[in-house]
Amino acid sequence: MSENIDVRVRFCETDALGHVNNTSYFIYLEEARVQFFEYLGKQSGTDDWPFILVSTKCDFIKQVYFKQALRIETSVKRIGSKSFTLLHLIKDTRTNDTLAEGEATVVYFDFKKQTSEIIPDELRKRLEESYQLL
């Protein structure tokens, strides 16, 4: 099971070469993560926010252009005791071609104590629902 969001490439996200600038992909991935956190039942905000991003990457497979319609599919790749890794596939909505593949490692974190914590059972269950066998 995965969670999906749709994005249409804006002109400001492109560069002088006419394709999407590499930094824009990370904005798409961030939006997908925020939506995924909401799916998990966690609303973004500064009160009692339990996640901290510790690593992110994106592999660019094909060029993406202005006005192209994209779908970002997000699933869980790995679940540890205190962290989990999300897999993001950026696809063309028309052809379903994979255009980029991203990952994000997120730690369950207590900002008041400034320490990582064990992922609670309820959250682990929700993560397992979105786990993809790769």
C-alpha atoms as a PDB file:
ATOM      1  CA  MET A   1       0.000   0.000   0.000  1.00  0.00           C
ATOM      2  CA  SER A   2       1.241   3.482  -0.759  1.00  0.00           C
ATOM      3  CA  GLU A   3       0.022   7.032  -0.355  1.00  0.00           C
ATOM      4  CA  ASN A   4      -0.041   9.273  -3.430  1.00  0.00           C
ATOM      5  CA  ILE A   5      -0.039  12.988  -4.141  1.00  0.00           C
ATOM      6  CA  ASP A   6      -0.286  14.742  -7.501  1.00  0.00           C
ATOM      7  CA  VAL A   7       1.865  17.692  -8.548  1.00  0.00           C
ATOM      8  CA  ARG A   8       1.898  19.815 -11.688  1.00  0.00           C
ATOM      9  CA  VAL A   9       5.313  21.292 -12.477  1.00  0.00           C
ATOM     10  CA  ARG A  10       5.317  25.085 -12.211  1.00  0.00           C
ATOM     11  CA  PHE A  11       7.519  27.328 -14.355  1.00  0.00           C
ATOM     12  CA  CYS A  12       9.474  28.534 -11.305  1.00  0.00           C
ATOM     13  CA  GLU A  13      10.570  24.934 -10.639  1.00  0.00           C
ATOM     14  CA  THR A  14      12.469  24.713 -13.921  1.00  0.00           C
ATOM     15  CA  ASP A  15      15.962  25.951 -14.735  1.00  0.00           C
ATOM     16  CA  ALA A  16      17.816  27.479 -17.682  1.00  0.00           C
ATOM     17  CA  LEU A  17      18.037  24.055 -19.338  1.00  0.00           C
ATOM     18  CA  GLY A  18      14.240  23.832 -19.432  1.00  0.00           C
ATOM     19  CA  HIS A  19      13.829  20.906 -17.073  1.00  0.00           C
ATOM     20  CA  VAL A  20      12.932  20.714 -13.383  1.00  0.00           C
ATOM     21  CA  ASN A  21      15.783  21.931 -11.209  1.00  0.00           C
ATOM     22  CA  ASN A  22      17.190  19.273  -8.885  1.00  0.00           C
ATOM     23  CA  THR A  23      16.218  21.242  -5.766  1.00  0.00           C
ATOM     24  CA  SER A  24      12.532  21.156  -6.759  1.00  0.00           C
ATOM     25  CA  TYR A  25      12.420  17.379  -6.399  1.00  0.00           C
ATOM     26  CA  PHE A  26      13.122  17.730  -2.683  1.00  0.00           C
ATOM     27  CA  ILE A  27      10.156  20.105  -2.352  1.00  0.00           C
ATOM     28  CA  TYR A  28       7.937  17.471  -3.987  1.00  0.00           C
ATOM     29  CA  LEU A  29       9.315  14.817  -1.629  1.00  0.00           C
ATOM     30  CA  GLU A  30       8.737  17.057   1.388  1.00  0.00           C
ATOM     31  CA  GLU A  31       5.109  17.594   0.376  1.00  0.00           C
ATOM     32  CA  ALA A  32       4.685  13.828  -0.025  1.00  0.00           C
ATOM     33  CA  ARG A  33       6.154  13.270   3.468  1.00  0.00           C
ATOM     34  CA  VAL A  34       3.840  15.843   5.040  1.00  0.00           C
ATOM     35  CA  GLN A  35       0.838  14.179   3.411  1.00  0.00           C
ATOM     36  CA  PHE A  36       2.120  10.780   4.557  1.00  0.00           C
ATOM     37  CA  PHE A  37       2.480  12.034   8.140  1.00  0.00           C
ATOM     38  CA  GLU A  38      -1.122  13.232   7.980  1.00  0.00           C
ATOM     39  CA  TYR A  39      -2.124   9.756   6.782  1.00  0.00           C
ATOM     40  CA  LEU A  40      -0.355   8.443   9.904  1.00  0.00           C
ATOM     41  CA  GLY A  41      -2.521  10.778  11.997  1.00  0.00           C
ATOM     42  CA  LYS A  42       0.170  13.379  12.694  1.00  0.00           C
ATOM     43  CA  GLN A  43      -0.690  16.938  11.737  1.00  0.00           C
ATOM     44  CA  SER A  44       2.284  19.142  10.944  1.00  0.00           C
ATOM     45  CA  GLY A  45       2.989  21.910  13.383  1.00  0.00           C
ATOM     46  CA  THR A  46       5.347  22.797  16.167  1.00  0.00           C
ATOM     47  CA  ASP A  47       3.268  21.381  19.035  1.00  0.00           C
ATOM     48  CA  ASP A  48       4.230  17.817  19.904  1.00  0.00           C
ATOM     49  CA  TRP A  49       5.806  17.060  16.504  1.00  0.00           C
ATOM     50  CA  PRO A  50       7.482  13.624  16.800  1.00  0.00           C
ATOM     51  CA  PHE A  51       9.617  13.353  13.636  1.00  0.00           C
ATOM     52  CA  ILE A  52      13.022  14.594  12.568  1.00  0.00           C
ATOM     53  CA  LEU A  53      14.437  14.070   9.080  1.00  0.00           C
ATOM     54  CA  VAL A  54      17.967  12.667   9.247  1.00  0.00           C
ATOM     55  CA  SER A  55      18.649  11.737   5.630  1.00  0.00           C
ATOM     56  CA  THR A  56      17.170  12.291   2.213  1.00  0.00           C
ATOM     57  CA  LYS A  57      18.267  11.482  -1.316  1.00  0.00           C
ATOM     58  CA  CYS A  58      16.881  11.525  -4.818  1.00  0.00           C
ATOM     59  CA  ASP A  59      18.005   9.706  -7.954  1.00  0.00           C
ATOM     60  CA  PHE A  60      17.006  11.464 -11.169  1.00  0.00           C
ATOM     61  CA  ILE A  61      16.025   8.902 -13.806  1.00  0.00           C
ATOM     62  CA  LYS A  62      14.412  11.008 -16.551  1.00  0.00           C
ATOM     63  CA  GLN A  63      14.114  14.738 -17.159  1.00  0.00           C
ATOM     64  CA  VAL A  64      10.895  16.446 -16.068  1.00  0.00           C
ATOM     65  CA  TYR A  65       9.460  19.572 -17.691  1.00  0.00           C
ATOM     66  CA  PHE A  66       7.151  22.556 -17.120  1.00  0.00           C
ATOM     67  CA  LYS A  67       3.444  21.612 -16.862  1.00  0.00           C
ATOM     68  CA  GLN A  68       4.220  17.902 -16.599  1.00  0.00           C
ATOM     69  CA  ALA A  69       1.755  16.108 -14.321  1.00  0.00           C
ATOM     70  CA  LEU A  70       3.439  14.013 -11.650  1.00  0.00           C
ATOM     71  CA  ARG A  71       2.329  11.529  -9.036  1.00  0.00           C
ATOM     72  CA  ILE A  72       4.498  10.929  -5.989  1.00  0.00           C
ATOM     73  CA  GLU A  73       3.897   7.487  -4.507  1.00  0.00           C
ATOM     74  CA  THR A  74       5.108   7.095  -0.930  1.00  0.00           C
ATOM     75  CA  SER A  75       5.512   3.825   0.915  1.00  0.00           C
ATOM     76  CA  VAL A  76       7.543   2.513   3.825  1.00  0.00           C
ATOM     77  CA  LYS A  77      10.781   0.815   2.833  1.00  0.00           C
ATOM     78  CA  ARG A  78      12.186  -0.001   6.284  1.00  0.00           C
ATOM     79  CA  ILE A  79      11.019   0.137   9.891  1.00  0.00           C
ATOM     80  CA  GLY A  80      13.572   0.151  12.699  1.00  0.00           C
ATOM     81  CA  SER A  81      13.106   0.523  16.434  1.00  0.00           C
ATOM     82  CA  LYS A  82      13.465   4.347  16.418  1.00  0.00           C
ATOM     83  CA  SER A  83      13.404   5.255  12.716  1.00  0.00           C
ATOM     84  CA  PHE A  84      11.820   4.389   9.402  1.00  0.00           C
ATOM     85  CA  THR A  85      12.686   4.967   5.766  1.00  0.00           C
ATOM     86  CA  LEU A  86      10.192   6.157   3.190  1.00  0.00           C
ATOM     87  CA  LEU A  87      10.448   5.333  -0.497  1.00  0.00           C
ATOM     88  CA  HIS A  88       9.166   7.974  -2.926  1.00  0.00           C
ATOM     89  CA  LEU A  89       8.566   7.187  -6.589  1.00  0.00           C
ATOM     90  CA  ILE A  90       7.958  10.223  -8.787  1.00  0.00           C
ATOM     91  CA  LYS A  91       5.972   9.117 -11.836  1.00  0.00           C
ATOM     92  CA  ASP A  92       4.492  10.700 -14.925  1.00  0.00           C
ATOM     93  CA  THR A  93       0.707  10.482 -14.492  1.00  0.00           C
ATOM     94  CA  ARG A  94       0.145   9.944 -18.227  1.00  0.00           C
ATOM     95  CA  THR A  95       2.719   7.201 -18.920  1.00  0.00           C
ATOM     96  CA  ASN A  96       3.307   5.883 -15.371  1.00  0.00           C
ATOM     97  CA  ASP A  97       7.067   6.038 -16.117  1.00  0.00           C
ATOM     98  CA  THR A  98       9.250   6.424 -13.035  1.00  0.00           C
ATOM     99  CA  LEU A  99      11.076   9.754 -13.383  1.00  0.00           C
ATOM    100  CA  ALA A 100      12.872   9.875 -10.035  1.00  0.00           C
ATOM    101  CA  GLU A 101      13.265   7.775  -6.924  1.00  0.00           C
ATOM    102  CA  GLY A 102      13.764   9.279  -3.493  1.00  0.00           C
ATOM    103  CA  GLU A 103      14.272   8.086   0.055  1.00  0.00           C
ATOM    104  CA  ALA A 104      13.890   9.768   3.411  1.00  0.00           C
ATOM    105  CA  THR A 105      14.954   8.422   6.782  1.00  0.00           C
ATOM    106  CA  VAL A 106      12.918   9.784   9.658  1.00  0.00           C
ATOM    107  CA  VAL A 107      13.599   9.347  13.388  1.00  0.00           C
ATOM    108  CA  TYR A 108      10.894   9.328  16.038  1.00  0.00           C
ATOM    109  CA  PHE A 109      12.147  12.195  18.193  1.00  0.00           C
ATOM    110  CA  ASP A 110      11.315  14.040  21.412  1.00  0.00           C
ATOM    111  CA  PHE A 111      12.292  17.665  20.822  1.00  0.00           C
ATOM    112  CA  LYS A 112      11.899  18.627  24.487  1.00  0.00           C
ATOM    113  CA  LYS A 113      14.340  15.938  25.612  1.00  0.00           C
ATOM    114  CA  GLN A 114      16.390  16.196  22.388  1.00  0.00           C
ATOM    115  CA  THR A 115      16.551  12.425  22.043  1.00  0.00           C
ATOM    116  CA  SER A 116      15.295   9.692  19.758  1.00  0.00           C
ATOM    117  CA  GLU A 117      12.628   7.377  21.119  1.00  0.00           C
ATOM    118  CA  ILE A 118      11.158   3.970  20.360  1.00  0.00           C
ATOM    119  CA  ILE A 119       8.387   4.131  17.748  1.00  0.00           C
ATOM    120  CA  PRO A 120       5.077   3.620  19.609  1.00  0.00           C
ATOM    121  CA  ASP A 121       3.126   0.443  18.781  1.00  0.00           C
ATOM    122  CA  GLU A 122       0.169   2.331  17.260  1.00  0.00           C
ATOM    123  CA  LEU A 123       2.448   4.256  14.899  1.00  0.00           C
ATOM    124  CA  ARG A 124       4.410   1.099  14.053  1.00  0.00           C
ATOM    125  CA  LYS A 125       1.134  -0.585  13.061  1.00  0.00           C
ATOM    126  CA  ARG A 126       0.267   2.303  10.709  1.00  0.00           C
ATOM    127  CA  LEU A 127       3.766   2.174   9.200  1.00  0.00           C
ATOM    128  CA  GLU A 128       3.472  -1.568   8.663  1.00  0.00           C
ATOM    129  CA  GLU A 129       0.227  -0.979   6.721  1.00  0.00           C
ATOM    130  CA  SER A 130       2.265   1.035   4.192  1.00  0.00           C
ATOM    131  CA  TYR A 131       5.271  -1.279   4.109  1.00  0.00           C
ATOM    132  CA  GLN A 132       6.309  -2.291   0.593  1.00  0.00           C
ATOM    133  CA  LEU A 133       8.102  -5.531  -0.027  1.00  0.00           C
ATOM    134  CA  LEU A 134      10.904  -4.603  -2.390  1.00  0.00           C
END
